[in-house]
Amino acid sequence: MKMSLCALLLLSAVVSQAVAADAETAIRTTFFPSYIEALRSHDTARIRTFLHPQVLACMNEKTHQYFDYLTQQEAQDDVEGKYEITRVALLNGPAPLLGLPEDGFSYPLQPTYEVHAEFKGGKLELIRFLSEAHGEWFEVYPCPNEKGVALVHDYIARGEEQRERAAKLVAELKDPLLSELKQLVKQERIIDAVKRYQAETGIGDLTIARMVIGVLEAK
């Protein structure tokens, strides 16, 4: 029995919807809970097991610093407590590089899903891009080329210099400013703490000021 073109198109749409529903269910109930548990372990090796095989294939002696940095950043995310997956969306075009330059980074494969999750009542939002391999879902990072590797190296070096400077500035803080900043941090008034620190010290570098308050947050 032959089916009409209209019937075939309808059947195709129904099948596609069913596949998408199965994918979303797997992401919500299988991938994401296990992934969050890995983040909460703060174990970078465990977090790395959630990377797509084609992303892992990008890892070598030149790119390891980039991947080490990304997994360390993921391990530091404050994902304790309840969370809500607010979006699981099929990507219809190229995934964004989220600020990375196109001439230095590219995806080894295009992610198929974008996932958003909120923690602590919206104070933290995770955005992850996923693709499937061998029936399982994995996170997809962009991979760096030689220019990207050089950019990462410079970025990490600058970050280390900024952290050292911030730590020195924190060590130099005295009361009453120190106590005032600690109180603002305790009240989770981070922006106010940054502004107060800048106003009192005259430090115009917002990044450094935010890092100083970040050190106080960590304490």
Protein backbone atom coordinates (compact mmCIF):
# COMPACT_ATOMS: atom_id res chain seq x y z
CA MET A 1 0.00 0.00 0.00
CA LYS A 2 1.42 3.33 -1.04
CA MET A 3 1.30 6.34 1.27
CA SER A 4 0.61 9.84 0.05
CA LEU A 5 3.31 12.49 0.28
CA CYS A 6 1.25 14.28 2.92
CA ALA A 7 1.04 11.13 5.02
CA LEU A 8 4.78 10.51 4.70
CA LEU A 9 5.56 14.07 5.79
CA LEU A 10 3.21 13.73 8.74
CA LEU A 11 4.78 10.43 9.77
CA SER A 12 8.24 11.96 9.48
CA ALA A 13 7.19 14.87 11.70
CA VAL A 14 5.74 12.51 14.30
CA VAL A 15 8.91 10.40 14.34
CA SER A 16 11.10 13.52 14.65
CA GLN A 17 9.02 14.76 17.56
CA ALA A 18 9.29 11.40 19.29
CA VAL A 19 13.07 11.32 18.82
CA ALA A 20 13.38 14.87 20.16
CA ALA A 21 11.22 14.01 23.17
CA ASP A 22 13.37 10.95 23.92
CA ALA A 23 16.55 13.06 23.63
CA GLU A 24 15.23 15.74 25.95
CA THR A 25 14.15 13.13 28.49
CA ALA A 26 17.59 11.49 28.40
CA ILE A 27 19.32 14.85 28.85
CA ARG A 28 17.09 15.83 31.77
CA THR A 29 17.00 12.50 33.60
CA THR A 30 20.28 10.80 32.72
CA PHE A 31 22.98 13.20 31.54
CA PHE A 32 22.36 16.26 33.67
CA PRO A 33 21.96 14.68 37.14
CA SER A 34 25.16 12.65 36.63
CA TYR A 35 26.98 15.69 35.26
CA ILE A 36 25.99 17.84 38.26
CA GLU A 37 27.20 15.13 40.62
CA ALA A 38 30.54 15.21 38.81
CA LEU A 39 30.74 19.00 39.24
CA ARG A 40 29.92 18.65 42.94
CA SER A 41 32.77 16.17 43.33
CA HIS A 42 35.23 18.91 42.18
CA ASP A 43 37.11 16.09 40.46
CA THR A 44 38.41 17.38 37.12
CA ALA A 45 39.14 13.87 35.85
CA ARG A 46 35.55 12.84 36.55
CA ILE A 47 34.20 16.01 34.90
CA ARG A 48 36.29 15.27 31.82
CA THR A 49 34.51 11.94 31.32
CA PHE A 50 31.45 13.96 30.27
CA LEU A 51 33.28 15.52 27.31
CA HIS A 52 32.38 14.29 23.84
CA PRO A 53 34.89 11.82 22.34
CA GLN A 54 35.61 14.22 19.47
CA VAL A 55 36.43 16.94 21.99
CA LEU A 56 38.76 14.57 23.84
CA ALA A 57 40.46 13.89 20.50
CA CYS A 58 41.50 17.59 20.45
CA MET A 59 43.52 17.17 23.63
CA ASN A 60 47.29 17.05 23.21
CA GLU A 61 50.46 18.57 24.64
CA LYS A 62 49.67 21.95 23.09
CA THR A 63 46.01 22.17 24.13
CA HIS A 64 46.13 20.55 27.59
CA GLN A 65 46.44 23.93 29.36
CA TYR A 66 43.20 25.08 27.74
CA PHE A 67 41.29 21.92 28.73
CA ASP A 68 42.80 21.91 32.23
CA TYR A 69 41.65 25.49 32.70
CA LEU A 70 38.08 24.80 31.51
CA THR A 71 37.60 21.71 33.66
CA GLN A 72 39.08 23.52 36.67
CA GLN A 73 36.60 26.35 36.13
CA GLU A 74 33.74 23.86 35.94
CA ALA A 75 34.94 22.20 39.14
CA GLN A 76 34.74 25.57 40.89
CA ASP A 77 31.11 26.26 39.93
CA ASP A 78 28.91 26.55 43.02
CA VAL A 79 26.25 24.01 42.05
CA GLU A 80 25.19 22.89 45.51
CA GLY A 81 21.53 22.78 46.40
CA LYS A 82 18.45 22.56 44.23
CA TYR A 83 18.47 23.49 40.57
CA GLU A 84 15.99 23.81 37.75
CA ILE A 85 16.60 22.93 34.11
CA THR A 86 14.96 25.91 32.45
CA ARG A 87 15.68 25.09 28.81
CA VAL A 88 16.54 22.11 26.63
CA ALA A 89 16.52 23.37 23.05
CA LEU A 90 17.44 21.75 19.75
CA LEU A 91 20.02 23.91 17.96
CA ASN A 92 18.97 24.86 14.45
CA GLY A 93 22.25 26.55 13.55
CA PRO A 94 25.88 26.80 14.65
CA ALA A 95 26.47 26.92 18.40
CA PRO A 96 27.86 30.25 19.63
CA LEU A 97 31.49 30.45 20.67
CA LEU A 98 30.49 32.60 23.66
CA GLY A 99 33.04 35.33 23.08
CA LEU A 100 35.89 33.19 21.76
CA PRO A 101 37.40 34.47 18.48
CA GLU A 102 36.41 32.47 15.41
CA ASP A 103 39.96 32.50 14.04
CA GLY A 104 41.23 30.80 17.20
CA PHE A 105 38.51 28.32 18.14
CA SER A 106 35.98 26.02 16.48
CA TYR A 107 33.76 23.12 17.50
CA PRO A 108 35.09 19.69 16.50
CA LEU A 109 31.43 18.84 15.83
CA GLN A 110 28.34 21.01 16.02
CA PRO A 111 26.39 20.52 19.26
CA THR A 112 22.79 19.49 18.78
CA TYR A 113 21.27 20.69 22.07
CA GLU A 114 21.60 23.75 24.29
CA VAL A 115 20.80 23.26 27.98
CA HIS A 116 20.24 25.93 30.64
CA ALA A 117 20.03 25.27 34.39
CA GLU A 118 19.57 27.73 37.24
CA PHE A 119 20.96 27.35 40.76
CA LYS A 120 20.31 29.29 43.96
CA GLY A 121 17.19 31.02 42.70
CA GLY A 122 18.77 32.37 39.54
CA LYS A 123 22.09 33.53 41.04
CA LEU A 124 23.97 31.04 38.87
CA GLU A 125 23.05 29.82 35.40
CA LEU A 126 24.88 27.03 33.60
CA ILE A 127 24.71 26.89 29.80
CA ARG A 128 25.98 23.72 28.19
CA PHE A 129 26.08 22.45 24.61
CA LEU A 130 25.60 18.73 24.05
CA SER A 131 25.91 16.11 21.33
CA GLU A 132 25.27 12.38 21.29
CA ALA A 133 27.80 9.59 20.78
CA HIS A 134 27.18 5.85 21.05
CA GLY A 135 23.73 6.41 22.56
CA GLU A 136 24.96 8.76 25.31
CA TRP A 137 25.03 12.54 25.70
CA PHE A 138 28.24 14.52 26.14
CA GLU A 139 29.33 18.11 26.61
CA VAL A 140 30.96 19.83 23.63
CA TYR A 141 33.75 22.41 23.99
CA PRO A 142 35.26 24.45 21.16
CA CYS A 143 38.81 23.33 20.37
CA PRO A 144 41.67 25.83 19.92
CA ASN A 145 44.01 26.06 16.95
CA GLU A 146 47.57 27.42 17.31
CA LYS A 147 46.31 31.00 17.62
CA GLY A 148 43.75 29.91 20.19
CA VAL A 149 46.41 28.08 22.22
CA ALA A 150 48.54 31.25 22.28
CA LEU A 151 45.53 33.34 23.38
CA VAL A 152 44.75 30.90 26.18
CA HIS A 153 48.36 30.93 27.37
CA ASP A 154 48.39 34.75 27.52
CA TYR A 155 44.98 34.86 29.21
CA ILE A 156 46.00 32.41 31.93
CA ALA A 157 49.28 34.25 32.51
CA ARG A 158 47.46 37.58 32.89
CA GLY A 159 44.94 35.95 35.20
CA GLU A 160 47.71 34.63 37.44
CA GLU A 161 49.24 38.12 37.64
CA GLN A 162 45.84 39.58 38.53
CA ARG A 163 45.26 36.95 41.24
CA GLU A 164 48.64 37.68 42.79
CA ARG A 165 47.91 41.40 42.79
CA ALA A 166 44.45 40.85 44.29
CA ALA A 167 45.87 38.65 47.06
CA LYS A 168 48.44 41.35 47.89
CA LEU A 169 45.76 44.05 48.00
CA VAL A 170 43.60 41.92 50.31
CA ALA A 171 46.57 41.43 52.65
CA GLU A 172 46.94 45.22 52.80
CA LEU A 173 43.29 45.85 53.78
CA LYS A 174 42.78 47.32 57.23
CA ASP A 175 39.80 48.13 59.42
CA PRO A 176 37.39 49.82 59.25
CA LEU A 177 37.24 49.19 55.46
CA LEU A 178 38.03 45.48 55.83
CA SER A 179 35.21 44.93 58.32
CA GLU A 180 32.81 46.95 56.18
CA LEU A 181 33.61 44.91 53.07
CA LYS A 182 33.28 41.64 54.97
CA GLN A 183 29.84 42.72 56.19
CA LEU A 184 28.72 43.59 52.65
CA VAL A 185 29.96 40.20 51.42
CA LYS A 186 28.14 38.44 54.25
CA GLN A 187 24.97 40.22 53.15
CA GLU A 188 25.67 39.10 49.55
CA ARG A 189 25.87 42.74 48.45
CA ILE A 190 28.80 42.03 46.15
CA ILE A 191 28.30 44.95 43.77
CA ASP A 192 28.10 47.35 46.72
CA ALA A 193 31.29 45.85 48.13
CA VAL A 194 33.12 46.35 44.84
CA LYS A 195 31.93 49.96 44.55
CA ARG A 196 32.84 50.69 48.18
CA TYR A 197 36.31 49.22 47.70
CA GLN A 198 36.92 51.25 44.56
CA ALA A 199 35.64 54.46 46.13
CA GLU A 200 37.85 54.05 49.19
CA THR A 201 41.04 52.90 47.46
CA GLY A 202 40.82 54.74 44.15
CA ILE A 203 41.49 51.51 42.21
CA GLY A 204 39.72 51.96 38.87
CA ASP A 205 40.40 48.47 37.50
CA LEU A 206 37.02 46.78 37.89
CA THR A 207 38.47 43.31 37.30
CA ILE A 208 41.01 43.71 40.12
CA ALA A 209 38.38 45.21 42.44
CA ARG A 210 36.04 42.29 41.77
CA MET A 211 38.87 39.80 42.38
CA VAL A 212 39.67 41.44 45.73
CA ILE A 213 36.06 41.01 46.81
CA GLY A 214 36.17 37.47 45.41
CA VAL A 215 39.05 36.66 47.77
CA LEU A 216 36.98 37.94 50.68
CA GLU A 217 34.04 35.83 49.47
CA ALA A 218 36.22 32.73 49.44
CA LYS A 219 37.33 33.40 53.01
